[in-house]
Amino acid sequence: MPPGNDGRLGRTFLRCRQRVVWNISSSFCSRYCFGGVDRLGVERKRILTRLSAC
């Protein structure tokens, strides 16, 4: 799992990473985008695109 805190509290940042998640029968590619932090300092996780294959 991606890290939940990179030490940049109170500052907005945007970074996206592409991960390949293997399923039992098939695999799909997902891009996780971290768009800043909320008031509690927790990263907001959003999935931009979810493809059936890479």
C-alpha atoms as a PDB file:
ATOM      1  CA  MET A   1       0.000   0.000   0.000  1.00  0.00           C
ATOM      2  CA  PRO A   2       1.195   3.550  -0.716  1.00  0.00           C
ATOM      3  CA  PRO A   3       2.497   5.630   2.170  1.00  0.00           C
ATOM      4  CA  GLY A   4      -0.123   7.672   3.983  1.00  0.00           C
ATOM      5  CA  ASN A   5       2.125  10.520   5.074  1.00  0.00           C
ATOM      6  CA  ASP A   6       5.165  11.944   3.320  1.00  0.00           C
ATOM      7  CA  GLY A   7       5.753  14.743   5.819  1.00  0.00           C
ATOM      8  CA  ARG A   8       4.214  17.528   3.740  1.00  0.00           C
ATOM      9  CA  LEU A   9       1.377  18.537   6.036  1.00  0.00           C
ATOM     10  CA  GLY A  10      -0.448  21.741   5.254  1.00  0.00           C
ATOM     11  CA  ARG A  11       0.891  21.918   1.714  1.00  0.00           C
ATOM     12  CA  THR A  12      -0.951  20.900  -1.404  1.00  0.00           C
ATOM     13  CA  PHE A  13       0.781  18.521  -3.741  1.00  0.00           C
ATOM     14  CA  LEU A  14      -0.154  16.332  -6.654  1.00  0.00           C
ATOM     15  CA  ARG A  15       1.482  13.071  -7.562  1.00  0.00           C
ATOM     16  CA  CYS A  16       0.170  10.107  -9.442  1.00  0.00           C
ATOM     17  CA  ARG A  17       1.468   6.591  -9.653  1.00  0.00           C
ATOM     18  CA  GLN A  18       0.455   3.642 -11.768  1.00  0.00           C
ATOM     19  CA  ARG A  19       0.198   0.234 -10.146  1.00  0.00           C
ATOM     20  CA  VAL A  20      -0.590  -3.161 -11.538  1.00  0.00           C
ATOM     21  CA  VAL A  21      -2.939  -5.102  -9.302  1.00  0.00           C
ATOM     22  CA  TRP A  22      -3.065  -8.822  -9.918  1.00  0.00           C
ATOM     23  CA  ASN A  23      -6.429 -10.500  -9.494  1.00  0.00           C
ATOM     24  CA  ILE A  24      -7.190 -14.201  -9.147  1.00  0.00           C
ATOM     25  CA  SER A  25      -8.311 -14.630 -12.748  1.00  0.00           C
ATOM     26  CA  SER A  26      -7.062 -11.436 -14.377  1.00  0.00           C
ATOM     27  CA  SER A  27      -5.146  -8.225 -13.760  1.00  0.00           C
ATOM     28  CA  PHE A  28      -6.090  -4.585 -14.087  1.00  0.00           C
ATOM     29  CA  CYS A  29      -4.102  -1.402 -14.097  1.00  0.00           C
ATOM     30  CA  SER A  30      -5.051   1.433 -11.760  1.00  0.00           C
ATOM     31  CA  ARG A  31      -3.680   4.952 -11.404  1.00  0.00           C
ATOM     32  CA  TYR A  32      -3.795   6.352  -7.901  1.00  0.00           C
ATOM     33  CA  CYS A  33      -3.694  10.126  -7.624  1.00  0.00           C
ATOM     34  CA  PHE A  34      -2.933  11.911  -4.375  1.00  0.00           C
ATOM     35  CA  GLY A  35      -4.375  15.417  -4.449  1.00  0.00           C
ATOM     36  CA  GLY A  36      -3.124  17.134  -1.359  1.00  0.00           C
ATOM     37  CA  VAL A  37      -4.121  16.611   2.259  1.00  0.00           C
ATOM     38  CA  ASP A  38      -7.240  17.418   4.232  1.00  0.00           C
ATOM     39  CA  ARG A  39      -7.536  19.350   7.484  1.00  0.00           C
ATOM     40  CA  LEU A  40      -6.547  16.326   9.532  1.00  0.00           C
ATOM     41  CA  GLY A  41      -3.422  15.803   7.453  1.00  0.00           C
ATOM     42  CA  VAL A  42      -4.658  12.680   5.712  1.00  0.00           C
ATOM     43  CA  GLU A  43      -3.984  12.141   2.045  1.00  0.00           C
ATOM     44  CA  ARG A  44      -7.017  12.028  -0.161  1.00  0.00           C
ATOM     45  CA  LYS A  45      -6.850   8.962  -2.347  1.00  0.00           C
ATOM     46  CA  ARG A  46      -8.583   9.049  -5.692  1.00  0.00           C
ATOM     47  CA  ILE A  47      -8.527   6.607  -8.543  1.00  0.00           C
ATOM     48  CA  LEU A  48      -8.374   8.525 -11.808  1.00  0.00           C
ATOM     49  CA  THR A  49      -8.482   5.696 -14.295  1.00  0.00           C
ATOM     50  CA  ARG A  50      -9.139   2.019 -13.967  1.00  0.00           C
ATOM     51  CA  LEU A  51      -8.231   0.027 -17.045  1.00  0.00           C
ATOM     52  CA  SER A  52      -8.936  -3.635 -17.700  1.00  0.00           C
ATOM     53  CA  ALA A  53      -5.423  -4.130 -19.025  1.00  0.00           C
ATOM     54  CA  CYS A  54      -2.169  -2.168 -19.096  1.00  0.00           C
END
